[in-house]
Amino acid sequence: MQLTILLFGITTDLLGTSSINIELPKNSSVTDLKLALKTNFKPLEKLESYAVAVNEAYASDELLLKPNDIIAIIPPVSGG
């Protein structure tokens, strides 16, 4: 299934875009997505951690993805 991933913060800087597309098998989980992102988008290996949101809610690694899901990569933020 084809998925569109929205990028925020440092992930936008690392990849030079605000969204990417990735192909995953049907019934893929968030864990599968994270592995595919590291494999296909090497700059993301620089991130020690990040959250994944699916349909505007933080997602567990076990959540199964669907083709029309809105998926966002949310890196850690800091500020003062």
PDB file of N, CA and C in Angstrom:
ATOM      1  N   MET A   1       0.838  -1.173   0.000  1.00  0.00           N
ATOM      2  CA  MET A   1       0.000   0.000   0.000  1.00  0.00           C
ATOM      3  C   MET A   1       0.880   1.233   0.000  1.00  0.00           C
ATOM      4  N   GLN A   2       0.444   2.245  -0.668  1.00  0.00           N
ATOM      5  CA  GLN A   2       1.172   3.509  -0.760  1.00  0.00           C
ATOM      6  C   GLN A   2       0.732   4.408   0.392  1.00  0.00           C
ATOM      7  N   LEU A   3       1.705   4.934   1.150  1.00  0.00           N
ATOM      8  CA  LEU A   3       1.414   5.816   2.269  1.00  0.00           C
ATOM      9  C   LEU A   3       2.137   7.137   2.089  1.00  0.00           C
ATOM     10  N   THR A   4       1.492   8.217   2.491  1.00  0.00           N
ATOM     11  CA  THR A   4       2.110   9.532   2.517  1.00  0.00           C
ATOM     12  C   THR A   4       2.418   9.858   3.968  1.00  0.00           C
ATOM     13  N   ILE A   5       3.651  10.273   4.215  1.00  0.00           N
ATOM     14  CA  ILE A   5       4.114  10.576   5.556  1.00  0.00           C
ATOM     15  C   ILE A   5       4.399  12.077   5.643  1.00  0.00           C
ATOM     16  N   LEU A   6       3.796  12.754   6.613  1.00  0.00           N
ATOM     17  CA  LEU A   6       4.050  14.169   6.841  1.00  0.00           C
ATOM     18  C   LEU A   6       5.237  14.302   7.782  1.00  0.00           C
ATOM     19  N   LEU A   7       6.116  15.250   7.494  1.00  0.00           N
ATOM     20  CA  LEU A   7       7.327  15.445   8.289  1.00  0.00           C
ATOM     21  C   LEU A   7       7.270  16.785   9.001  1.00  0.00           C
ATOM     22  N   PHE A   8       7.833  16.821  10.211  1.00  0.00           N
ATOM     23  CA  PHE A   8       7.857  18.044  10.998  1.00  0.00           C
ATOM     24  C   PHE A   8       9.233  18.219  11.624  1.00  0.00           C
ATOM     25  N   GLY A   9       9.549  19.462  11.991  1.00  0.00           N
ATOM     26  CA  GLY A   9      10.790  19.762  12.697  1.00  0.00           C
ATOM     27  C   GLY A   9      12.027  19.337  11.925  1.00  0.00           C
ATOM     28  N   ILE A  10      12.951  18.726  12.644  1.00  0.00           N
ATOM     29  CA  ILE A  10      14.243  18.331  12.080  1.00  0.00           C
ATOM     30  C   ILE A  10      14.094  17.320  10.936  1.00  0.00           C
ATOM     31  N   THR A  11      13.018  16.541  10.925  1.00  0.00           N
ATOM     32  CA  THR A  11      12.855  15.571   9.835  1.00  0.00           C
ATOM     33  C   THR A  11      12.682  16.278   8.498  1.00  0.00           C
ATOM     34  N   THR A  12      12.032  17.432   8.509  1.00  0.00           N
ATOM     35  CA  THR A  12      11.893  18.234   7.287  1.00  0.00           C
ATOM     36  C   THR A  12      13.266  18.692   6.809  1.00  0.00           C
ATOM     37  N   ASP A  13      14.098  19.139   7.748  1.00  0.00           N
ATOM     38  CA  ASP A  13      15.453  19.587   7.396  1.00  0.00           C
ATOM     39  C   ASP A  13      16.303  18.430   6.878  1.00  0.00           C
ATOM     40  N   LEU A  14      16.228  17.283   7.536  1.00  0.00           N
ATOM     41  CA  LEU A  14      17.049  16.137   7.143  1.00  0.00           C
ATOM     42  C   LEU A  14      16.730  15.648   5.739  1.00  0.00           C
ATOM     43  N   LEU A  15      15.429  15.663   5.373  1.00  0.00           N
ATOM     44  CA  LEU A  15      15.032  15.126   4.070  1.00  0.00           C
ATOM     45  C   LEU A  15      14.746  16.202   3.025  1.00  0.00           C
ATOM     46  N   GLY A  16      14.712  17.463   3.444  1.00  0.00           N
ATOM     47  CA  GLY A  16      14.519  18.555   2.484  1.00  0.00           C
ATOM     48  C   GLY A  16      13.128  18.632   1.903  1.00  0.00           C
ATOM     49  N   THR A  17      12.141  18.111   2.616  1.00  0.00           N
ATOM     50  CA  THR A  17      10.759  18.137   2.142  1.00  0.00           C
ATOM     51  C   THR A  17       9.824  18.021   3.340  1.00  0.00           C
ATOM     52  N   SER A  18       8.563  18.353   3.137  1.00  0.00           N
ATOM     53  CA  SER A  18       7.596  18.263   4.235  1.00  0.00           C
ATOM     54  C   SER A  18       6.746  16.992   4.172  1.00  0.00           C
ATOM     55  N   SER A  19       6.930  16.192   3.123  1.00  0.00           N
ATOM     56  CA  SER A  19       6.215  14.915   3.046  1.00  0.00           C
ATOM     57  C   SER A  19       6.963  13.947   2.137  1.00  0.00           C
ATOM     58  N   ILE A  20       6.772  12.675   2.406  1.00  0.00           N
ATOM     59  CA  ILE A  20       7.375  11.624   1.588  1.00  0.00           C
ATOM     60  C   ILE A  20       6.332  10.545   1.347  1.00  0.00           C
ATOM     61  N   ASN A  21       6.566   9.745   0.327  1.00  0.00           N
ATOM     62  CA  ASN A  21       5.710   8.588   0.042  1.00  0.00           C
ATOM     63  C   ASN A  21       6.533   7.322   0.235  1.00  0.00           C
ATOM     64  N   ILE A  22       5.878   6.298   0.728  1.00  0.00           N
ATOM     65  CA  ILE A  22       6.555   5.023   0.935  1.00  0.00           C
ATOM     66  C   ILE A  22       5.573   3.894   0.649  1.00  0.00           C
ATOM     67  N   GLU A  23       6.083   2.824   0.111  1.00  0.00           N
ATOM     68  CA  GLU A  23       5.277   1.637  -0.204  1.00  0.00           C
ATOM     69  C   GLU A  23       5.534   0.579   0.868  1.00  0.00           C
ATOM     70  N   LEU A  24       4.466   0.094   1.481  1.00  0.00           N
ATOM     71  CA  LEU A  24       4.554  -0.972   2.483  1.00  0.00           C
ATOM     72  C   LEU A  24       3.546  -2.061   2.147  1.00  0.00           C
ATOM     73  N   PRO A  25       3.831  -3.280   2.568  1.00  0.00           N
ATOM     74  CA  PRO A  25       2.847  -4.348   2.364  1.00  0.00           C
ATOM     75  C   PRO A  25       1.579  -4.085   3.179  1.00  0.00           C
ATOM     76  N   LYS A  26       0.485  -4.649   2.732  1.00  0.00           N
ATOM     77  CA  LYS A  26      -0.777  -4.565   3.472  1.00  0.00           C
ATOM     78  C   LYS A  26      -0.562  -5.146   4.867  1.00  0.00           C
ATOM     79  N   ASN A  27      -1.287  -4.636   5.855  1.00  0.00           N
ATOM     80  CA  ASN A  27      -1.196  -5.076   7.255  1.00  0.00           C
ATOM     81  C   ASN A  27       0.156  -4.770   7.892  1.00  0.00           C
ATOM     82  N   SER A  28       0.827  -3.714   7.444  1.00  0.00           N
ATOM     83  CA  SER A  28       2.073  -3.288   8.065  1.00  0.00           C
ATOM     84  C   SER A  28       1.766  -2.489   9.330  1.00  0.00           C
ATOM     85  N   SER A  29       2.665  -2.596  10.301  1.00  0.00           N
ATOM     86  CA  SER A  29       2.505  -1.888  11.569  1.00  0.00           C
ATOM     87  C   SER A  29       3.386  -0.641  11.589  1.00  0.00           C
ATOM     88  N   VAL A  30       3.243   0.129  12.648  1.00  0.00           N
ATOM     89  CA  VAL A  30       4.102   1.297  12.837  1.00  0.00           C
ATOM     90  C   VAL A  30       5.564   0.847  12.938  1.00  0.00           C
ATOM     91  N   THR A  31       5.819  -0.283  13.579  1.00  0.00           N
ATOM     92  CA  THR A  31       7.183  -0.819  13.641  1.00  0.00           C
ATOM     93  C   THR A  31       7.722  -1.076  12.242  1.00  0.00           C
ATOM     94  N   ASP A  32       6.908  -1.670  11.372  1.00  0.00           N
ATOM     95  CA  ASP A  32       7.320  -1.909   9.984  1.00  0.00           C
ATOM     96  C   ASP A  32       7.626  -0.586   9.279  1.00  0.00           C
ATOM     97  N   LEU A  33       6.804   0.416   9.530  1.00  0.00           N
ATOM     98  CA  LEU A  33       7.024   1.734   8.934  1.00  0.00           C
ATOM     99  C   LEU A  33       8.362   2.309   9.382  1.00  0.00           C
ATOM    100  N   LYS A  34       8.658   2.255  10.688  1.00  0.00           N
ATOM    101  CA  LYS A  34       9.916   2.797  11.206  1.00  0.00           C
ATOM    102  C   LYS A  34      11.118   2.109  10.563  1.00  0.00           C
ATOM    103  N   LEU A  35      11.047   0.818  10.410  1.00  0.00           N
ATOM    104  CA  LEU A  35      12.138   0.079   9.774  1.00  0.00           C
ATOM    105  C   LEU A  35      12.301   0.504   8.313  1.00  0.00           C
ATOM    106  N   ALA A  36      11.187   0.629   7.598  1.00  0.00           N
ATOM    107  CA  ALA A  36      11.235   1.042   6.194  1.00  0.00           C
ATOM    108  C   ALA A  36      11.769   2.469   6.050  1.00  0.00           C
ATOM    109  N   LEU A  37      11.421   3.340   6.985  1.00  0.00           N
ATOM    110  CA  LEU A  37      11.926   4.711   6.918  1.00  0.00           C
ATOM    111  C   LEU A  37      13.441   4.735   7.078  1.00  0.00           C
ATOM    112  N   LYS A  38      13.969   3.986   8.040  1.00  0.00           N
ATOM    113  CA  LYS A  38      15.424   3.949   8.239  1.00  0.00           C
ATOM    114  C   LYS A  38      16.134   3.337   7.034  1.00  0.00           C
ATOM    115  N   THR A  39      15.511   2.351   6.415  1.00  0.00           N
ATOM    116  CA  THR A  39      16.107   1.683   5.262  1.00  0.00           C
ATOM    117  C   THR A  39      16.107   2.574   4.026  1.00  0.00           C
ATOM    118  N   ASN A  40      15.001   3.271   3.795  1.00  0.00           N
ATOM    119  CA  ASN A  40      14.829   4.035   2.555  1.00  0.00           C
ATOM    120  C   ASN A  40      15.235   5.499   2.649  1.00  0.00           C
ATOM    121  N   PHE A  41      15.317   6.022   3.848  1.00  0.00           N
ATOM    122  CA  PHE A  41      15.643   7.439   4.038  1.00  0.00           C
ATOM    123  C   PHE A  41      16.759   7.525   5.082  1.00  0.00           C
ATOM    124  N   LYS A  42      17.984   7.279   4.631  1.00  0.00           N
ATOM    125  CA  LYS A  42      19.159   7.171   5.510  1.00  0.00           C
ATOM    126  C   LYS A  42      19.355   8.358   6.458  1.00  0.00           C
ATOM    127  N   PRO A  43      19.059   9.608   6.075  1.00  0.00           N
ATOM    128  CA  PRO A  43      19.249  10.710   7.034  1.00  0.00           C
ATOM    129  C   PRO A  43      18.434  10.542   8.322  1.00  0.00           C
ATOM    130  N   LEU A  44      17.343   9.795   8.278  1.00  0.00           N
ATOM    131  CA  LEU A  44      16.537   9.602   9.483  1.00  0.00           C
ATOM    132  C   LEU A  44      17.250   8.746  10.529  1.00  0.00           C
ATOM    133  N   GLU A  45      18.324   8.046  10.120  1.00  0.00           N
ATOM    134  CA  GLU A  45      19.102   7.272  11.086  1.00  0.00           C
ATOM    135  C   GLU A  45      19.756   8.175  12.127  1.00  0.00           C
ATOM    136  N   LYS A  46      19.893   9.456  11.819  1.00  0.00           N
ATOM    137  CA  LYS A  46      20.497  10.407  12.752  1.00  0.00           C
ATOM    138  C   LYS A  46      19.604  10.682  13.955  1.00  0.00           C
ATOM    139  N   LEU A  47      18.322  10.410  13.834  1.00  0.00           N
ATOM    140  CA  LEU A  47      17.393  10.631  14.940  1.00  0.00           C
ATOM    141  C   LEU A  47      17.450   9.467  15.917  1.00  0.00           C
ATOM    142  N   GLU A  48      17.622   9.780  17.186  1.00  0.00           N
ATOM    143  CA  GLU A  48      17.629   8.728  18.186  1.00  0.00           C
ATOM    144  C   GLU A  48      16.217   8.231  18.475  1.00  0.00           C
ATOM    145  N   SER A  49      15.256   9.138  18.423  1.00  0.00           N
ATOM    146  CA  SER A  49      13.873   8.746  18.649  1.00  0.00           C
ATOM    147  C   SER A  49      12.939   9.753  17.994  1.00  0.00           C
ATOM    148  N   TYR A  50      11.744   9.307  17.728  1.00  0.00           N
ATOM    149  CA  TYR A  50      10.691  10.176  17.221  1.00  0.00           C
ATOM    150  C   TYR A  50       9.358   9.470  17.435  1.00  0.00           C
ATOM    151  N   ALA A  51       8.308  10.263  17.479  1.00  0.00           N
ATOM    152  CA  ALA A  51       6.968   9.708  17.638  1.00  0.00           C
ATOM    153  C   ALA A  51       6.303   9.607  16.273  1.00  0.00           C
ATOM    154  N   VAL A  52       5.377   8.685  16.178  1.00  0.00           N
ATOM    155  CA  VAL A  52       4.563   8.544  14.973  1.00  0.00           C
ATOM    156  C   VAL A  52       3.116   8.799  15.373  1.00  0.00           C
ATOM    157  N   ALA A  53       2.473   9.685  14.639  1.00  0.00           N
ATOM    158  CA  ALA A  53       1.047   9.940  14.852  1.00  0.00           C
ATOM    159  C   ALA A  53       0.288   9.403  13.651  1.00  0.00           C
ATOM    160  N   VAL A  54      -0.818   8.751  13.922  1.00  0.00           N
ATOM    161  CA  VAL A  54      -1.687   8.234  12.869  1.00  0.00           C
ATOM    162  C   VAL A  54      -3.077   8.810  13.115  1.00  0.00           C
ATOM    163  N   ASN A  55      -3.577   9.501  12.109  1.00  0.00           N
ATOM    164  CA  ASN A  55      -4.888  10.143  12.203  1.00  0.00           C
ATOM    165  C   ASN A  55      -4.972  11.053  13.428  1.00  0.00           C
ATOM    166  N   GLU A  56      -3.915  11.841  13.606  1.00  0.00           N
ATOM    167  CA  GLU A  56      -3.814  12.894  14.616  1.00  0.00           C
ATOM    168  C   GLU A  56      -3.773  12.385  16.053  1.00  0.00           C
ATOM    169  N   ALA A  57      -3.354  11.139  16.260  1.00  0.00           N
ATOM    170  CA  ALA A  57      -3.172  10.588  17.609  1.00  0.00           C
ATOM    171  C   ALA A  57      -1.859   9.813  17.634  1.00  0.00           C
ATOM    172  N   TYR A  58      -1.133   9.939  18.732  1.00  0.00           N
ATOM    173  CA  TYR A  58       0.105   9.172  18.848  1.00  0.00           C
ATOM    174  C   TYR A  58      -0.202   7.692  18.724  1.00  0.00           C
ATOM    175  N   ALA A  59       0.648   6.981  17.989  1.00  0.00           N
ATOM    176  CA  ALA A  59       0.392   5.580  17.666  1.00  0.00           C
ATOM    177  C   ALA A  59       1.382   4.664  18.366  1.00  0.00           C
ATOM    178  N   SER A  60       0.894   3.508  18.795  1.00  0.00           N
ATOM    179  CA  SER A  60       1.776   2.485  19.352  1.00  0.00           C
ATOM    180  C   SER A  60       2.457   1.763  18.198  1.00  0.00           C
ATOM    181  N   ASP A  61       3.569   1.100  18.505  1.00  0.00           N
ATOM    182  CA  ASP A  61       4.311   0.384  17.470  1.00  0.00           C
ATOM    183  C   ASP A  61       3.503  -0.757  16.857  1.00  0.00           C
ATOM    184  N   GLU A  62       2.528  -1.275  17.581  1.00  0.00           N
ATOM    185  CA  GLU A  62       1.739  -2.421  17.109  1.00  0.00           C
ATOM    186  C   GLU A  62       0.580  -2.026  16.188  1.00  0.00           C
ATOM    187  N   LEU A  63       0.256  -0.738  16.140  1.00  0.00           N
ATOM    188  CA  LEU A  63      -0.890  -0.288  15.339  1.00  0.00           C
ATOM    189  C   LEU A  63      -0.712  -0.668  13.875  1.00  0.00           C
ATOM    190  N   LEU A  64      -1.744  -1.258  13.272  1.00  0.00           N
ATOM    191  CA  LEU A  64      -1.714  -1.606  11.852  1.00  0.00           C
ATOM    192  C   LEU A  64      -2.154  -0.406  11.024  1.00  0.00           C
ATOM    193  N   LEU A  65      -1.407  -0.132   9.975  1.00  0.00           N
ATOM    194  CA  LEU A  65      -1.676   1.021   9.120  1.00  0.00           C
ATOM    195  C   LEU A  65      -2.637   0.665   7.997  1.00  0.00           C
ATOM    196  N   LYS A  66      -3.408   1.687   7.572  1.00  0.00           N
ATOM    197  CA  LYS A  66      -4.348   1.531   6.468  1.00  0.00           C
ATOM    198  C   LYS A  66      -3.995   2.554   5.383  1.00  0.00           C
ATOM    199  N   PRO A  67      -4.351   2.283   4.134  1.00  0.00           N
ATOM    200  CA  PRO A  67      -3.935   3.155   3.029  1.00  0.00           C
ATOM    201  C   PRO A  67      -4.311   4.628   3.175  1.00  0.00           C
ATOM    202  N   ASN A  68      -5.439   4.955   3.769  1.00  0.00           N
ATOM    203  CA  ASN A  68      -5.866   6.354   3.846  1.00  0.00           C
ATOM    204  C   ASN A  68      -5.482   7.037   5.160  1.00  0.00           C
ATOM    205  N   ASP A  69      -4.666   6.388   5.980  1.00  0.00           N
ATOM    206  CA  ASP A  69      -4.247   6.991   7.237  1.00  0.00           C
ATOM    207  C   ASP A  69      -3.436   8.252   6.992  1.00  0.00           C
ATOM    208  N   ILE A  70      -3.593   9.225   7.889  1.00  0.00           N
ATOM    209  CA  ILE A  70      -2.755  10.417   7.899  1.00  0.00           C
ATOM    210  C   ILE A  70      -1.643  10.137   8.903  1.00  0.00           C
ATOM    211  N   ILE A  71      -0.416  10.036   8.406  1.00  0.00           N
ATOM    212  CA  ILE A  71       0.719   9.633   9.232  1.00  0.00           C
ATOM    213  C   ILE A  71       1.702  10.794   9.323  1.00  0.00           C
ATOM    214  N   ALA A  72       2.154  11.061  10.545  1.00  0.00           N
ATOM    215  CA  ALA A  72       3.119  12.154  10.763  1.00  0.00           C
ATOM    216  C   ALA A  72       4.281  11.632  11.599  1.00  0.00           C
ATOM    217  N   ILE A  73       5.474  12.103  11.258  1.00  0.00           N
ATOM    218  CA  ILE A  73       6.669  11.824  12.035  1.00  0.00           C
ATOM    219  C   ILE A  73       6.926  13.078  12.882  1.00  0.00           C
ATOM    220  N   ILE A  74       6.981  12.877  14.197  1.00  0.00           N
ATOM    221  CA  ILE A  74       7.134  13.994  15.110  1.00  0.00           C
ATOM    222  C   ILE A  74       8.420  13.810  15.926  1.00  0.00           C
ATOM    223  N   PRO A  75       9.461  14.579  15.581  1.00  0.00           N
ATOM    224  CA  PRO A  75      10.724  14.448  16.305  1.00  0.00           C
ATOM    225  C   PRO A  75      10.618  15.114  17.676  1.00  0.00           C
ATOM    226  N   PRO A  76      11.569  14.799  18.559  1.00  0.00           N
ATOM    227  CA  PRO A  76      11.580  15.476  19.858  1.00  0.00           C
ATOM    228  C   PRO A  76      11.782  16.981  19.664  1.00  0.00           C
ATOM    229  N   VAL A  77      11.219  17.760  20.544  1.00  0.00           N
ATOM    230  CA  VAL A  77      11.369  19.215  20.466  1.00  0.00           C
ATOM    231  C   VAL A  77      11.936  19.722  21.779  1.00  0.00           C
ATOM    232  N   SER A  78      12.609  20.837  21.686  1.00  0.00           N
ATOM    233  CA  SER A  78      13.110  21.479  22.889  1.00  0.00           C
ATOM    234  C   SER A  78      12.940  22.980  22.732  1.00  0.00           C
ATOM    235  N   GLY A  79      12.954  23.654  23.795  1.00  0.00           N
ATOM    236  CA  GLY A  79      12.803  25.097  23.732  1.00  0.00           C
ATOM    237  C   GLY A  79      12.746  25.672  25.129  1.00  0.00           C
ATOM    238  N   GLY A  80      12.575  26.948  25.171  1.00  0.00           N
ATOM    239  CA  GLY A  80      12.587  27.544  26.493  1.00  0.00           C
ATOM    240  C   GLY A  80      11.704  28.727  26.593  1.00  0.00           C
TER     241      GLY A  80
END
